[in-house]
Each structure stands twice: as structure tokens, then as C-alpha cells.
């Protein structure tokens, strides 16, 4: 108990204020923080119901165009590899490469296009509602 007390006092007094300085220490980098989707539209309120978080990994083969679809829930992704262009029916587009993030449109028809031979890998996080779809196909 005395050791925990000393650690607590050390943290309060700011002895560890230089954290993180070394490569082997934990660090946090905000990759994306926004109230708007990538096309500039405000994100809608969260839907009512039991929250359900879903994390999906998409592998999109080279030279592939996805079907038109929309999401009824807020979602965001991180490109792990490849390049992808996301376009809306209204003509807006966003080009993504490895390491880029995307806060997807909600209730807006769009699709992804992989115009390259390399596959795309993207991890997508959905803030959904239990028993409700994450994606609606046209």
C-alpha cells in the first residue's frame, strides 16, 4: 500500500511530466477527431437503442469498384494498406492511402473504388445499435 501511495504522490507532484520521452513508453496520437463526416456534413445524433460496437476488416481486391451503399450509423476507418477513392453520388470524392483515416458519411450514397492492382485493407469501427444494419446496399 505504501508503494501505491508513493506512486500516486509522484504523479500528483508532476515528477513524471516528461512522459513519454522514450520509444518504449506508451504514447497516444489522435488520428481523427471531428463532428463531421469526410464530405463536410455534420454527424447525426446517435440512434436510440442498445449500443453495439462493431469492428470490421475489409479486404478489397485490386481493380474493384464496390456497390453503391449507405450507412445508417456513424463509422470511421483506418487504411492499413493500399489506396482507395471514396465517391458520393453528389460527386464528392476522397482519396485514401495507408495510414489515412476516414469518418464515413451517414445516410449518403457512396462507394469505394480501388483503381490499383494492390488490395486495400481497411479497419472500420461502427457505433451502431443492436439488431440494426450497419450498411444498406442500393
Protein backbone atom coordinates (compact mmCIF):
# COMPACT_ATOMS: atom_id res chain seq x y z
CA UNK A 1 0.00 0.00 0.00
CA UNK A 2 2.88 2.36 0.81
CA UNK A 3 4.29 1.81 -2.73
CA UNK A 4 0.95 2.77 -4.32
CA UNK A 5 0.83 5.89 -2.16
CA UNK A 6 4.33 6.90 -3.30
CA UNK A 7 3.43 6.36 -6.95
CA UNK A 8 0.27 8.43 -6.51
CA UNK A 9 2.17 11.30 -4.82
CA UNK A 10 4.87 11.17 -7.51
CA UNK A 11 2.25 11.51 -10.25
CA UNK A 12 0.45 14.37 -8.50
CA UNK A 13 3.69 16.29 -7.93
CA UNK A 14 4.46 16.05 -11.61
CA UNK A 15 7.71 14.12 -11.39
CA UNK A 16 6.61 12.14 -14.44
CA UNK A 17 5.64 15.20 -16.53
CA UNK A 18 8.12 14.33 -19.29
CA UNK A 19 6.15 11.19 -20.20
CA UNK A 20 6.53 9.81 -22.84
CA UNK A 21 10.13 10.56 -23.75
CA UNK A 22 11.40 7.13 -24.59
CA UNK A 23 10.42 4.97 -27.52
CA UNK A 24 9.48 2.08 -25.23
CA UNK A 25 6.83 4.07 -23.39
CA UNK A 26 3.16 4.21 -24.31
CA UNK A 27 2.12 7.22 -26.38
CA UNK A 28 -1.22 8.36 -27.74
CA UNK A 29 -1.76 10.08 -31.07
CA UNK A 30 -5.22 11.27 -32.10
CA UNK A 31 -5.71 10.05 -35.65
CA UNK A 32 -9.08 11.71 -36.16
CA UNK A 33 -11.43 13.80 -34.02
CA UNK A 34 -14.38 15.51 -35.68
CA UNK A 35 -18.09 16.23 -35.61
CA UNK A 36 -18.34 15.98 -39.42
CA UNK A 37 -18.01 13.18 -41.95
CA UNK A 38 -15.33 13.39 -44.65
CA UNK A 39 -17.67 15.23 -47.04
CA UNK A 40 -18.24 18.03 -44.52
CA UNK A 41 -21.73 17.03 -43.36
CA UNK A 42 -22.46 17.12 -39.62
CA UNK A 43 -22.68 13.70 -37.99
CA UNK A 44 -26.21 12.85 -36.85
CA UNK A 45 -27.16 12.10 -33.23
CA UNK A 46 -26.60 8.53 -32.14
CA UNK A 47 -29.67 6.36 -32.72
CA UNK A 48 -31.77 5.19 -29.80
CA UNK A 49 -31.41 1.59 -28.63
CA UNK A 50 -28.86 -0.74 -27.14
CA UNK A 51 -25.39 0.37 -28.30
CA UNK A 52 -23.44 -2.16 -30.33
CA UNK A 53 -19.85 -1.51 -31.41
CA UNK A 54 -18.66 -3.49 -34.44
CA UNK A 55 -15.11 -3.54 -35.80
CA UNK A 56 -14.68 -4.98 -39.29
CA UNK A 57 -11.65 -5.54 -41.50
CA UNK A 58 -12.35 -5.11 -45.21
CA UNK A 59 -10.09 -6.58 -47.87
CA UNK A 60 -10.90 -5.08 -51.27
CA UNK A 61 -9.16 -6.72 -54.23
CA UNK A 62 -7.27 -4.65 -56.76
CA UNK A 63 -9.23 -3.08 -59.62
CA UNK A 64 -12.55 -3.35 -57.76
CA UNK A 65 -15.49 -0.95 -57.52
CA UNK A 66 -17.85 -1.51 -54.60
CA UNK A 67 -21.63 -1.27 -54.98
CA UNK A 68 -23.41 1.94 -54.02
CA UNK A 69 -24.34 1.80 -50.35
CA UNK A 70 -25.01 3.97 -47.30
CA UNK A 71 -24.59 3.64 -43.56
CA UNK A 72 -27.40 4.42 -41.10
CA UNK A 73 -24.85 4.65 -38.26
CA UNK A 74 -21.66 6.59 -37.56
CA UNK A 75 -18.48 4.79 -38.51
CA UNK A 76 -14.81 5.54 -39.00
CA UNK A 77 -11.91 3.66 -40.52
CA UNK A 78 -8.14 3.45 -40.78
CA UNK A 79 -6.41 2.43 -44.01
CA UNK A 80 -3.91 -0.32 -43.30
CA UNK A 81 -2.64 -0.75 -46.87
CA UNK A 82 -3.42 0.17 -50.46
CA UNK A 83 -5.22 3.15 -51.95
CA UNK A 84 -8.96 3.76 -52.15
CA UNK A 85 -11.09 6.53 -53.59
CA UNK A 86 -14.47 7.08 -51.95
CA UNK A 87 -17.09 8.91 -54.04
CA UNK A 88 -20.64 10.07 -53.35
CA UNK A 89 -23.48 10.23 -55.86
CA UNK A 90 -23.29 14.01 -55.44
CA UNK A 91 -19.78 13.92 -56.93
CA UNK A 92 -17.63 14.50 -53.84
CA UNK A 93 -14.56 12.29 -53.53
CA UNK A 94 -11.82 11.44 -51.06
CA UNK A 95 -8.57 9.60 -51.80
CA UNK A 96 -7.17 7.39 -49.02
CA UNK A 97 -3.72 5.83 -48.66
CA UNK A 98 -2.04 3.72 -45.99
CA UNK A 99 -2.35 5.39 -42.57
CA UNK A 100 -5.19 7.74 -43.57
CA UNK A 101 -8.40 7.88 -41.55
CA UNK A 102 -11.96 8.36 -42.71
CA UNK A 103 -15.09 9.37 -40.83
CA UNK A 104 -17.72 7.98 -43.16
CA UNK A 105 -20.81 9.69 -44.45
CA UNK A 106 -24.11 8.73 -42.80
CA UNK A 107 -27.31 8.34 -44.86
CA UNK A 108 -25.38 9.30 -48.04
CA UNK A 109 -25.00 7.00 -51.06
CA UNK A 110 -21.34 6.34 -51.78
CA UNK A 111 -18.90 3.66 -52.90
CA UNK A 112 -15.22 2.81 -52.77
CA UNK A 113 -13.04 2.35 -55.84
CA UNK A 114 -9.71 0.54 -55.81
CA UNK A 115 -8.11 1.55 -59.12
CA UNK A 116 -4.81 -0.19 -58.35
CA UNK A 117 -3.62 -3.79 -58.54
CA UNK A 118 -2.70 -3.87 -54.83
CA UNK A 119 -5.51 -4.93 -52.47
CA UNK A 120 -6.92 -2.48 -49.95
CA UNK A 121 -7.15 -3.31 -46.27
CA UNK A 122 -9.21 -1.00 -44.06
CA UNK A 123 -10.37 -1.43 -40.47
CA UNK A 124 -13.79 0.16 -39.83
CA UNK A 125 -15.36 0.90 -36.43
CA UNK A 126 -19.17 1.19 -36.31
CA UNK A 127 -21.15 2.84 -33.48
CA UNK A 128 -24.38 1.01 -34.14
CA UNK A 129 -27.50 -0.26 -32.42
CA UNK A 130 -28.22 -3.89 -31.58
CA UNK A 131 -30.13 -5.69 -34.38
CA UNK A 132 -29.89 -2.74 -36.82
CA UNK A 133 -27.93 -2.91 -40.11
CA UNK A 134 -24.57 -1.19 -40.49
CA UNK A 135 -24.78 -0.92 -44.28
CA UNK A 136 -27.65 -0.66 -46.75
CA UNK A 137 -26.99 -1.68 -50.36
CA UNK A 138 -28.68 0.19 -53.19
